[in-house]
Amino acid sequence: MQIRPLRDRVLIRRLDSDEKTAGGIIIPDTAQEKPMEGEVLAAGDGIRNESGQVQALDVEVGDRVLFGKFAGTEVTIDGDELIIMKETDIMGVIG
């Protein structure tokens, strides 16, 4: 299924976090925190500014981004757990 976010929204897949600590202790799934890092799968066209022109988003498909722990709305599409959020919820792009 194809999905295209509208306006200033982006579709993100969380990246898997490590299941071990630096000391080698294995963390069970129930105790792991959700990762706050993901990959942009799709992005909207942008938001209109005061003059009516569309202002493009700063993120692009394929960017690795950091976002807040409770940012966005979780959705399941074709068995994949994804997040739809506004671009303003993204804290930065990992270069």
PDB file of N, CA and C in Angstrom:
ATOM      1  N   MET A   1       0.844  -1.179   0.000  1.00  0.00           N
ATOM      2  CA  MET A   1       0.000   0.000   0.000  1.00  0.00           C
ATOM      3  C   MET A   1       0.890   1.243   0.000  1.00  0.00           C
ATOM      4  N   GLN A   2       0.524   2.211  -0.785  1.00  0.00           N
ATOM      5  CA  GLN A   2       1.239   3.479  -0.842  1.00  0.00           C
ATOM      6  C   GLN A   2       0.536   4.488   0.058  1.00  0.00           C
ATOM      7  N   ILE A   3       1.296   5.280   0.763  1.00  0.00           N
ATOM      8  CA  ILE A   3       0.725   6.351   1.576  1.00  0.00           C
ATOM      9  C   ILE A   3       1.556   7.609   1.346  1.00  0.00           C
ATOM     10  N   ARG A   4       0.883   8.720   1.194  1.00  0.00           N
ATOM     11  CA  ARG A   4       1.545  10.006   0.973  1.00  0.00           C
ATOM     12  C   ARG A   4       1.083  10.964   2.065  1.00  0.00           C
ATOM     13  N   PRO A   5       1.984  11.351   2.960  1.00  0.00           N
ATOM     14  CA  PRO A   5       1.598  12.302   4.010  1.00  0.00           C
ATOM     15  C   PRO A   5       1.208  13.649   3.394  1.00  0.00           C
ATOM     16  N   LEU A   6       0.307  14.339   4.044  1.00  0.00           N
ATOM     17  CA  LEU A   6      -0.148  15.638   3.566  1.00  0.00           C
ATOM     18  C   LEU A   6       0.619  16.766   4.234  1.00  0.00           C
ATOM     19  N   ARG A   7       0.737  17.869   3.524  1.00  0.00           N
ATOM     20  CA  ARG A   7       1.333  19.116   3.987  1.00  0.00           C
ATOM     21  C   ARG A   7       2.688  18.920   4.655  1.00  0.00           C
ATOM     22  N   ASP A   8       2.799  19.231   5.957  1.00  0.00           N
ATOM     23  CA  ASP A   8       4.100  19.202   6.635  1.00  0.00           C
ATOM     24  C   ASP A   8       4.295  17.944   7.467  1.00  0.00           C
ATOM     25  N   ARG A   9       3.647  16.857   7.094  1.00  0.00           N
ATOM     26  CA  ARG A   9       3.778  15.612   7.840  1.00  0.00           C
ATOM     27  C   ARG A   9       4.769  14.675   7.136  1.00  0.00           C
ATOM     28  N   VAL A  10       5.396  13.812   7.943  1.00  0.00           N
ATOM     29  CA  VAL A  10       6.345  12.835   7.414  1.00  0.00           C
ATOM     30  C   VAL A  10       6.001  11.458   7.968  1.00  0.00           C
ATOM     31  N   LEU A  11       6.329  10.418   7.221  1.00  0.00           N
ATOM     32  CA  LEU A  11       6.120   9.037   7.618  1.00  0.00           C
ATOM     33  C   LEU A  11       7.481   8.463   7.982  1.00  0.00           C
ATOM     34  N   ILE A  12       7.597   7.914   9.196  1.00  0.00           N
ATOM     35  CA  ILE A  12       8.894   7.477   9.722  1.00  0.00           C
ATOM     36  C   ILE A  12       8.804   6.037  10.206  1.00  0.00           C
ATOM     37  N   ARG A  13       9.874   5.266   9.937  1.00  0.00           N
ATOM     38  CA  ARG A  13      10.028   3.920  10.507  1.00  0.00           C
ATOM     39  C   ARG A  13      11.108   4.003  11.578  1.00  0.00           C
ATOM     40  N   ARG A  14      10.757   3.542  12.778  1.00  0.00           N
ATOM     41  CA  ARG A  14      11.749   3.528  13.865  1.00  0.00           C
ATOM     42  C   ARG A  14      12.887   2.577  13.512  1.00  0.00           C
ATOM     43  N   LEU A  15      14.096   2.973  13.855  1.00  0.00           N
ATOM     44  CA  LEU A  15      15.256   2.100  13.676  1.00  0.00           C
ATOM     45  C   LEU A  15      15.411   1.250  14.922  1.00  0.00           C
ATOM     46  N   ASP A  16      15.837   0.010  14.751  1.00  0.00           N
ATOM     47  CA  ASP A  16      15.972  -0.908  15.875  1.00  0.00           C
ATOM     48  C   ASP A  16      17.060  -0.443  16.823  1.00  0.00           C
ATOM     49  N   SER A  17      16.786  -0.597  18.116  1.00  0.00           N
ATOM     50  CA  SER A  17      17.784  -0.239  19.118  1.00  0.00           C
ATOM     51  C   SER A  17      18.584  -1.486  19.494  1.00  0.00           C
ATOM     52  N   ASP A  18      19.708  -1.268  20.144  1.00  0.00           N
ATOM     53  CA  ASP A  18      20.540  -2.380  20.583  1.00  0.00           C
ATOM     54  C   ASP A  18      19.841  -3.149  21.689  1.00  0.00           C
ATOM     55  N   GLU A  19      19.995  -4.478  21.648  1.00  0.00           N
ATOM     56  CA  GLU A  19      19.393  -5.319  22.678  1.00  0.00           C
ATOM     57  C   GLU A  19      20.383  -5.630  23.794  1.00  0.00           C
ATOM     58  N   LYS A  20      21.603  -5.123  23.686  1.00  0.00           N
ATOM     59  CA  LYS A  20      22.619  -5.333  24.710  1.00  0.00           C
ATOM     60  C   LYS A  20      23.143  -3.996  25.203  1.00  0.00           C
ATOM     61  N   THR A  21      23.544  -3.953  26.454  1.00  0.00           N
ATOM     62  CA  THR A  21      24.194  -2.766  26.988  1.00  0.00           C
ATOM     63  C   THR A  21      25.672  -2.830  26.631  1.00  0.00           C
ATOM     64  N   ALA A  22      26.402  -1.783  26.948  1.00  0.00           N
ATOM     65  CA  ALA A  22      27.839  -1.758  26.660  1.00  0.00           C
ATOM     66  C   ALA A  22      28.572  -2.864  27.421  1.00  0.00           C
ATOM     67  N   GLY A  23      28.035  -3.245  28.578  1.00  0.00           N
ATOM     68  CA  GLY A  23      28.657  -4.300  29.387  1.00  0.00           C
ATOM     69  C   GLY A  23      28.275  -5.703  28.952  1.00  0.00           C
ATOM     70  N   GLY A  24      27.389  -5.843  27.963  1.00  0.00           N
ATOM     71  CA  GLY A  24      27.029  -7.155  27.448  1.00  0.00           C
ATOM     72  C   GLY A  24      25.741  -7.722  28.026  1.00  0.00           C
ATOM     73  N   ILE A  25      25.027  -6.956  28.846  1.00  0.00           N
ATOM     74  CA  ILE A  25      23.782  -7.437  29.429  1.00  0.00           C
ATOM     75  C   ILE A  25      22.685  -7.348  28.368  1.00  0.00           C
ATOM     76  N   ILE A  26      21.943  -8.445  28.188  1.00  0.00           N
ATOM     77  CA  ILE A  26      20.859  -8.479  27.209  1.00  0.00           C
ATOM     78  C   ILE A  26      19.602  -7.910  27.846  1.00  0.00           C
ATOM     79  N   ILE A  27      18.972  -6.947  27.148  1.00  0.00           N
ATOM     80  CA  ILE A  27      17.767  -6.289  27.654  1.00  0.00           C
ATOM     81  C   ILE A  27      16.551  -6.937  26.989  1.00  0.00           C
ATOM     82  N   PRO A  28      15.585  -7.447  27.774  1.00  0.00           N
ATOM     83  CA  PRO A  28      14.397  -8.041  27.157  1.00  0.00           C
ATOM     84  C   PRO A  28      13.533  -6.976  26.478  1.00  0.00           C
ATOM     85  N   ASP A  29      12.710  -7.416  25.517  1.00  0.00           N
ATOM     86  CA  ASP A  29      11.865  -6.494  24.746  1.00  0.00           C
ATOM     87  C   ASP A  29      10.958  -5.660  25.635  1.00  0.00           C
ATOM     88  N   THR A  30      10.445  -6.241  26.711  1.00  0.00           N
ATOM     89  CA  THR A  30       9.508  -5.520  27.572  1.00  0.00           C
ATOM     90  C   THR A  30      10.177  -4.392  28.346  1.00  0.00           C
ATOM     91  N   ALA A  31      11.484  -4.459  28.525  1.00  0.00           N
ATOM     92  CA  ALA A  31      12.195  -3.434  29.291  1.00  0.00           C
ATOM     93  C   ALA A  31      12.853  -2.386  28.407  1.00  0.00           C
ATOM     94  N   GLN A  32      12.848  -2.603  27.110  1.00  0.00           N
ATOM     95  CA  GLN A  32      13.502  -1.667  26.209  1.00  0.00           C
ATOM     96  C   GLN A  32      12.635  -0.441  25.982  1.00  0.00           C
ATOM     97  N   GLU A  33      13.288   0.701  25.887  1.00  0.00           N
ATOM     98  CA  GLU A  33      12.585   1.925  25.513  1.00  0.00           C
ATOM     99  C   GLU A  33      12.480   1.972  24.000  1.00  0.00           C
ATOM    100  N   LYS A  34      11.436   2.624  23.510  1.00  0.00           N
ATOM    101  CA  LYS A  34      11.295   2.773  22.069  1.00  0.00           C
ATOM    102  C   LYS A  34      12.389   3.703  21.563  1.00  0.00           C
ATOM    103  N   PRO A  35      13.006   3.341  20.440  1.00  0.00           N
ATOM    104  CA  PRO A  35      14.061   4.215  19.907  1.00  0.00           C
ATOM    105  C   PRO A  35      13.486   5.544  19.448  1.00  0.00           C
ATOM    106  N   MET A  36      14.283   6.592  19.582  1.00  0.00           N
ATOM    107  CA  MET A  36      13.877   7.931  19.168  1.00  0.00           C
ATOM    108  C   MET A  36      14.589   8.322  17.879  1.00  0.00           C
ATOM    109  N   GLU A  37      14.974   7.324  17.124  1.00  0.00           N
ATOM    110  CA  GLU A  37      15.672   7.540  15.870  1.00  0.00           C
ATOM    111  C   GLU A  37      14.937   6.768  14.787  1.00  0.00           C
ATOM    112  N   GLY A  38      14.812   7.362  13.607  1.00  0.00           N
ATOM    113  CA  GLY A  38      14.091   6.684  12.537  1.00  0.00           C
ATOM    114  C   GLY A  38      14.522   7.152  11.166  1.00  0.00           C
ATOM    115  N   GLU A  39      13.923   6.513  10.170  1.00  0.00           N
ATOM    116  CA  GLU A  39      14.207   6.838   8.774  1.00  0.00           C
ATOM    117  C   GLU A  39      12.932   7.378   8.127  1.00  0.00           C
ATOM    118  N   VAL A  40      13.080   8.469   7.389  1.00  0.00           N
ATOM    119  CA  VAL A  40      11.938   9.071   6.712  1.00  0.00           C
ATOM    120  C   VAL A  40      11.601   8.226   5.475  1.00  0.00           C
ATOM    121  N   LEU A  41      10.372   7.708   5.429  1.00  0.00           N
ATOM    122  CA  LEU A  41       9.922   6.897   4.303  1.00  0.00           C
ATOM    123  C   LEU A  41       9.172   7.722   3.261  1.00  0.00           C
ATOM    124  N   ALA A  42       8.458   8.748   3.727  1.00  0.00           N
ATOM    125  CA  ALA A  42       7.698   9.611   2.812  1.00  0.00           C
ATOM    126  C   ALA A  42       7.528  10.967   3.475  1.00  0.00           C
ATOM    127  N   ALA A  43       7.401  11.996   2.671  1.00  0.00           N
ATOM    128  CA  ALA A  43       7.231  13.352   3.186  1.00  0.00           C
ATOM    129  C   ALA A  43       6.189  14.086   2.358  1.00  0.00           C
ATOM    130  N   GLY A  44       5.461  14.980   3.021  1.00  0.00           N
ATOM    131  CA  GLY A  44       4.461  15.795   2.331  1.00  0.00           C
ATOM    132  C   GLY A  44       5.114  16.862   1.464  1.00  0.00           C
ATOM    133  N   ASP A  45       4.278  17.620   0.784  1.00  0.00           N
ATOM    134  CA  ASP A  45       4.788  18.654  -0.123  1.00  0.00           C
ATOM    135  C   ASP A  45       5.333  19.873   0.608  1.00  0.00           C
ATOM    136  N   GLY A  46       4.815  20.161   1.777  1.00  0.00           N
ATOM    137  CA  GLY A  46       5.229  21.338   2.533  1.00  0.00           C
ATOM    138  C   GLY A  46       4.012  22.120   2.983  1.00  0.00           C
ATOM    139  N   ILE A  47       4.252  23.228   3.645  1.00  0.00           N
ATOM    140  CA  ILE A  47       3.177  24.045   4.185  1.00  0.00           C
ATOM    141  C   ILE A  47       3.172  25.398   3.474  1.00  0.00           C
ATOM    142  N   ARG A  48       2.017  25.967   3.328  1.00  0.00           N
ATOM    143  CA  ARG A  48       1.908  27.272   2.665  1.00  0.00           C
ATOM    144  C   ARG A  48       2.294  28.385   3.636  1.00  0.00           C
ATOM    145  N   ASN A  49       3.091  29.327   3.145  1.00  0.00           N
ATOM    146  CA  ASN A  49       3.471  30.468   3.969  1.00  0.00           C
ATOM    147  C   ASN A  49       2.422  31.569   3.815  1.00  0.00           C
ATOM    148  N   GLU A  50       2.675  32.722   4.403  1.00  0.00           N
ATOM    149  CA  GLU A  50       1.696  33.810   4.403  1.00  0.00           C
ATOM    150  C   GLU A  50       1.369  34.337   3.015  1.00  0.00           C
ATOM    151  N   SER A  51       2.313  34.222   2.096  1.00  0.00           N
ATOM    152  CA  SER A  51       2.072  34.713   0.737  1.00  0.00           C
ATOM    153  C   SER A  51       1.410  33.659  -0.157  1.00  0.00           C
ATOM    154  N   GLY A  52       1.151  32.469   0.377  1.00  0.00           N
ATOM    155  CA  GLY A  52       0.463  31.428  -0.369  1.00  0.00           C
ATOM    156  C   GLY A  52       1.363  30.467  -1.110  1.00  0.00           C
ATOM    157  N   GLN A  53       2.680  30.658  -1.014  1.00  0.00           N
ATOM    158  CA  GLN A  53       3.612  29.763  -1.685  1.00  0.00           C
ATOM    159  C   GLN A  53       3.904  28.564  -0.786  1.00  0.00           C
ATOM    160  N   VAL A  54       4.128  27.409  -1.407  1.00  0.00           N
ATOM    161  CA  VAL A  54       4.442  26.195  -0.657  1.00  0.00           C
ATOM    162  C   VAL A  54       5.907  26.231  -0.251  1.00  0.00           C
ATOM    163  N   GLN A  55       6.150  26.108   1.052  1.00  0.00           N
ATOM    164  CA  GLN A  55       7.515  26.075   1.578  1.00  0.00           C
ATOM    165  C   GLN A  55       7.892  24.606   1.762  1.00  0.00           C
ATOM    166  N   ALA A  56       8.915  24.166   1.048  1.00  0.00           N
ATOM    167  CA  ALA A  56       9.326  22.763   1.081  1.00  0.00           C
ATOM    168  C   ALA A  56       9.838  22.364   2.465  1.00  0.00           C
ATOM    169  N   LEU A  57       9.761  21.062   2.763  1.00  0.00           N
ATOM    170  CA  LEU A  57      10.243  20.550   4.036  1.00  0.00           C
ATOM    171  C   LEU A  57      11.769  20.479   4.044  1.00  0.00           C
ATOM    172  N   ASP A  58      12.341  20.493   5.251  1.00  0.00           N
ATOM    173  CA  ASP A  58      13.798  20.392   5.384  1.00  0.00           C
ATOM    174  C   ASP A  58      14.285  18.949   5.320  1.00  0.00           C
ATOM    175  N   VAL A  59      13.402  17.984   5.561  1.00  0.00           N
ATOM    176  CA  VAL A  59      13.796  16.572   5.523  1.00  0.00           C
ATOM    177  C   VAL A  59      13.384  15.962   4.198  1.00  0.00           C
ATOM    178  N   GLU A  60      14.115  14.919   3.801  1.00  0.00           N
ATOM    179  CA  GLU A  60      13.846  14.225   2.547  1.00  0.00           C
ATOM    180  C   GLU A  60      13.716  12.736   2.827  1.00  0.00           C
ATOM    181  N   VAL A  61      13.150  12.021   1.890  1.00  0.00           N
ATOM    182  CA  VAL A  61      13.036  10.568   2.012  1.00  0.00           C
ATOM    183  C   VAL A  61      14.436   9.973   2.141  1.00  0.00           C
ATOM    184  N   GLY A  62      14.620   9.077   3.101  1.00  0.00           N
ATOM    185  CA  GLY A  62      15.914   8.440   3.328  1.00  0.00           C
ATOM    186  C   GLY A  62      16.723   9.065   4.459  1.00  0.00           C
ATOM    187  N   ASP A  63      16.351  10.253   4.925  1.00  0.00           N
ATOM    188  CA  ASP A  63      17.069  10.904   6.027  1.00  0.00           C
ATOM    189  C   ASP A  63      16.881  10.122   7.323  1.00  0.00           C
ATOM    190  N   ARG A  64      17.942  10.047   8.124  1.00  0.00           N
ATOM    191  CA  ARG A  64      17.845   9.506   9.486  1.00  0.00           C
ATOM    192  C   ARG A  64      17.608  10.682  10.413  1.00  0.00           C
ATOM    193  N   VAL A  65      16.580  10.597  11.245  1.00  0.00           N
ATOM    194  CA  VAL A  65      16.177  11.726  12.068  1.00  0.00           C
ATOM    195  C   VAL A  65      16.017  11.319  13.526  1.00  0.00           C
ATOM    196  N   LEU A  66      16.113  12.319  14.400  1.00  0.00           N
ATOM    197  CA  LEU A  66      15.832  12.164  15.827  1.00  0.00           C
ATOM    198  C   LEU A  66      14.519  12.870  16.125  1.00  0.00           C
ATOM    199  N   PHE A  67      13.693  12.248  16.973  1.00  0.00           N
ATOM    200  CA  PHE A  67      12.414  12.850  17.322  1.00  0.00           C
ATOM    201  C   PHE A  67      12.103  12.561  18.778  1.00  0.00           C
ATOM    202  N   GLY A  68      11.110  13.249  19.315  1.00  0.00           N
ATOM    203  CA  GLY A  68      10.732  13.089  20.708  1.00  0.00           C
ATOM    204  C   GLY A  68      10.134  11.726  21.004  1.00  0.00           C
ATOM    205  N   LYS A  69      10.227  11.318  22.252  1.00  0.00           N
ATOM    206  CA  LYS A  69       9.769  10.001  22.676  1.00  0.00           C
ATOM    207  C   LYS A  69       8.281   9.786  22.405  1.00  0.00           C
ATOM    208  N   PHE A  70       7.474  10.814  22.581  1.00  0.00           N
ATOM    209  CA  PHE A  70       6.031  10.675  22.407  1.00  0.00           C
ATOM    210  C   PHE A  70       5.520  11.432  21.187  1.00  0.00           C
ATOM    211  N   ALA A  71       6.387  11.690  20.221  1.00  0.00           N
ATOM    212  CA  ALA A  71       6.014  12.463  19.032  1.00  0.00           C
ATOM    213  C   ALA A  71       5.219  11.606  18.056  1.00  0.00           C
ATOM    214  N   GLY A  72       4.284  12.225  17.376  1.00  0.00           N
ATOM    215  CA  GLY A  72       3.572  11.584  16.284  1.00  0.00           C
ATOM    216  C   GLY A  72       2.498  10.601  16.695  1.00  0.00           C
ATOM    217  N   THR A  73       1.925   9.980  15.684  1.00  0.00           N
ATOM    218  CA  THR A  73       0.872   8.985  15.851  1.00  0.00           C
ATOM    219  C   THR A  73       1.342   7.679  15.235  1.00  0.00           C
ATOM    220  N   GLU A  74       1.273   6.599  16.017  1.00  0.00           N
ATOM    221  CA  GLU A  74       1.709   5.305  15.514  1.00  0.00           C
ATOM    222  C   GLU A  74       0.607   4.676  14.678  1.00  0.00           C
ATOM    223  N   VAL A  75       0.980   4.150  13.514  1.00  0.00           N
ATOM    224  CA  VAL A  75       0.053   3.471  12.614  1.00  0.00           C
ATOM    225  C   VAL A  75       0.693   2.169  12.144  1.00  0.00           C
ATOM    226  N   THR A  76      -0.147   1.194  11.788  1.00  0.00           N
ATOM    227  CA  THR A  76       0.345  -0.061  11.233  1.00  0.00           C
ATOM    228  C   THR A  76      -0.132  -0.162   9.795  1.00  0.00           C
ATOM    229  N   ILE A  77       0.808  -0.257   8.873  1.00  0.00           N
ATOM    230  CA  ILE A  77       0.501  -0.344   7.452  1.00  0.00           C
ATOM    231  C   ILE A  77       1.206  -1.572   6.889  1.00  0.00           C
ATOM    232  N   ASP A  78       0.432  -2.493   6.349  1.00  0.00           N
ATOM    233  CA  ASP A  78       0.964  -3.747   5.791  1.00  0.00           C
ATOM    234  C   ASP A  78       1.854  -4.475   6.795  1.00  0.00           C
ATOM    235  N   GLY A  79       1.503  -4.452   8.068  1.00  0.00           N
ATOM    236  CA  GLY A  79       2.254  -5.149   9.104  1.00  0.00           C
ATOM    237  C   GLY A  79       3.451  -4.389   9.644  1.00  0.00           C
ATOM    238  N   ASP A  80       3.776  -3.239   9.073  1.00  0.00           N
ATOM    239  CA  ASP A  80       4.888  -2.416   9.552  1.00  0.00           C
ATOM    240  C   ASP A  80       4.364  -1.366  10.522  1.00  0.00           C
ATOM    241  N   GLU A  81       5.048  -1.214  11.658  1.00  0.00           N
ATOM    242  CA  GLU A  81       4.683  -0.172  12.612  1.00  0.00           C
ATOM    243  C   GLU A  81       5.432   1.101  12.238  1.00  0.00           C
ATOM    244  N   LEU A  82       4.673   2.125  11.856  1.00  0.00           N
ATOM    245  CA  LEU A  82       5.241   3.386  11.397  1.00  0.00           C
ATOM    246  C   LEU A  82       4.698   4.530  12.234  1.00  0.00           C
ATOM    247  N   ILE A  83       5.278   5.715  12.065  1.00  0.00           N
ATOM    248  CA  ILE A  83       4.845   6.909  12.787  1.00  0.00           C
ATOM    249  C   ILE A  83       4.608   8.019  11.770  1.00  0.00           C
ATOM    250  N   ILE A  84       3.484   8.708  11.930  1.00  0.00           N
ATOM    251  CA  ILE A  84       3.225   9.910  11.148  1.00  0.00           C
ATOM    252  C   ILE A  84       3.332  11.087  12.106  1.00  0.00           C
ATOM    253  N   MET A  85       4.176  12.064  11.760  1.00  0.00           N
ATOM    254  CA  MET A  85       4.350  13.230  12.633  1.00  0.00           C
ATOM    255  C   MET A  85       4.579  14.479  11.797  1.00  0.00           C
ATOM    256  N   LYS A  86       4.394  15.620  12.425  1.00  0.00           N
ATOM    257  CA  LYS A  86       4.688  16.888  11.761  1.00  0.00           C
ATOM    258  C   LYS A  86       6.206  17.084  11.738  1.00  0.00           C
ATOM    259  N   GLU A  87       6.664  17.820  10.753  1.00  0.00           N
ATOM    260  CA  GLU A  87       8.103  18.085  10.641  1.00  0.00           C
ATOM    261  C   GLU A  87       8.634  18.815  11.860  1.00  0.00           C
ATOM    262  N   THR A  88       7.803  19.626  12.508  1.00  0.00           N
ATOM    263  CA  THR A  88       8.251  20.364  13.674  1.00  0.00           C
ATOM    264  C   THR A  88       8.546  19.462  14.872  1.00  0.00           C
ATOM    265  N   ASP A  89       8.050  18.204  14.864  1.00  0.00           N
ATOM    266  CA  ASP A  89       8.338  17.254  15.936  1.00  0.00           C
ATOM    267  C   ASP A  89       9.718  16.622  15.785  1.00  0.00           C
ATOM    268  N   ILE A  90      10.342  16.812  14.627  1.00  0.00           N
ATOM    269  CA  ILE A  90      11.678  16.257  14.389  1.00  0.00           C
ATOM    270  C   ILE A  90      12.703  17.222  14.969  1.00  0.00           C
ATOM    271  N   MET A  91      13.615  16.664  15.775  1.00  0.00           N
ATOM    272  CA  MET A  91      14.622  17.490  16.443  1.00  0.00           C
ATOM    273  C   MET A  91      15.876  17.704  15.602  1.00  0.00           C
ATOM    274  N   GLY A  92      16.189  16.754  14.715  1.00  0.00           N
ATOM    275  CA  GLY A  92      17.378  16.931  13.901  1.00  0.00           C
ATOM    276  C   GLY A  92      17.572  15.802  12.920  1.00  0.00           C
ATOM    277  N   VAL A  93      18.432  16.044  11.947  1.00  0.00           N
ATOM    278  CA  VAL A  93      18.791  15.053  10.931  1.00  0.00           C
ATOM    279  C   VAL A  93      20.189  14.538  11.256  1.00  0.00           C
ATOM    280  N   ILE A  94      20.345  13.231  11.253  1.00  0.00           N
ATOM    281  CA  ILE A  94      21.659  12.617  11.524  1.00  0.00           C
ATOM    282  C   ILE A  94      22.401  12.521  10.202  1.00  0.00           C
ATOM    283  N   GLY A  95      23.565  13.136  10.131  1.00  0.00           N
ATOM    284  CA  GLY A  95      24.294  13.242   8.880  1.00  0.00           C
ATOM    285  C   GLY A  95      25.249  12.156   8.673  1.00  0.00           C
TER     286      GLY A  95
END
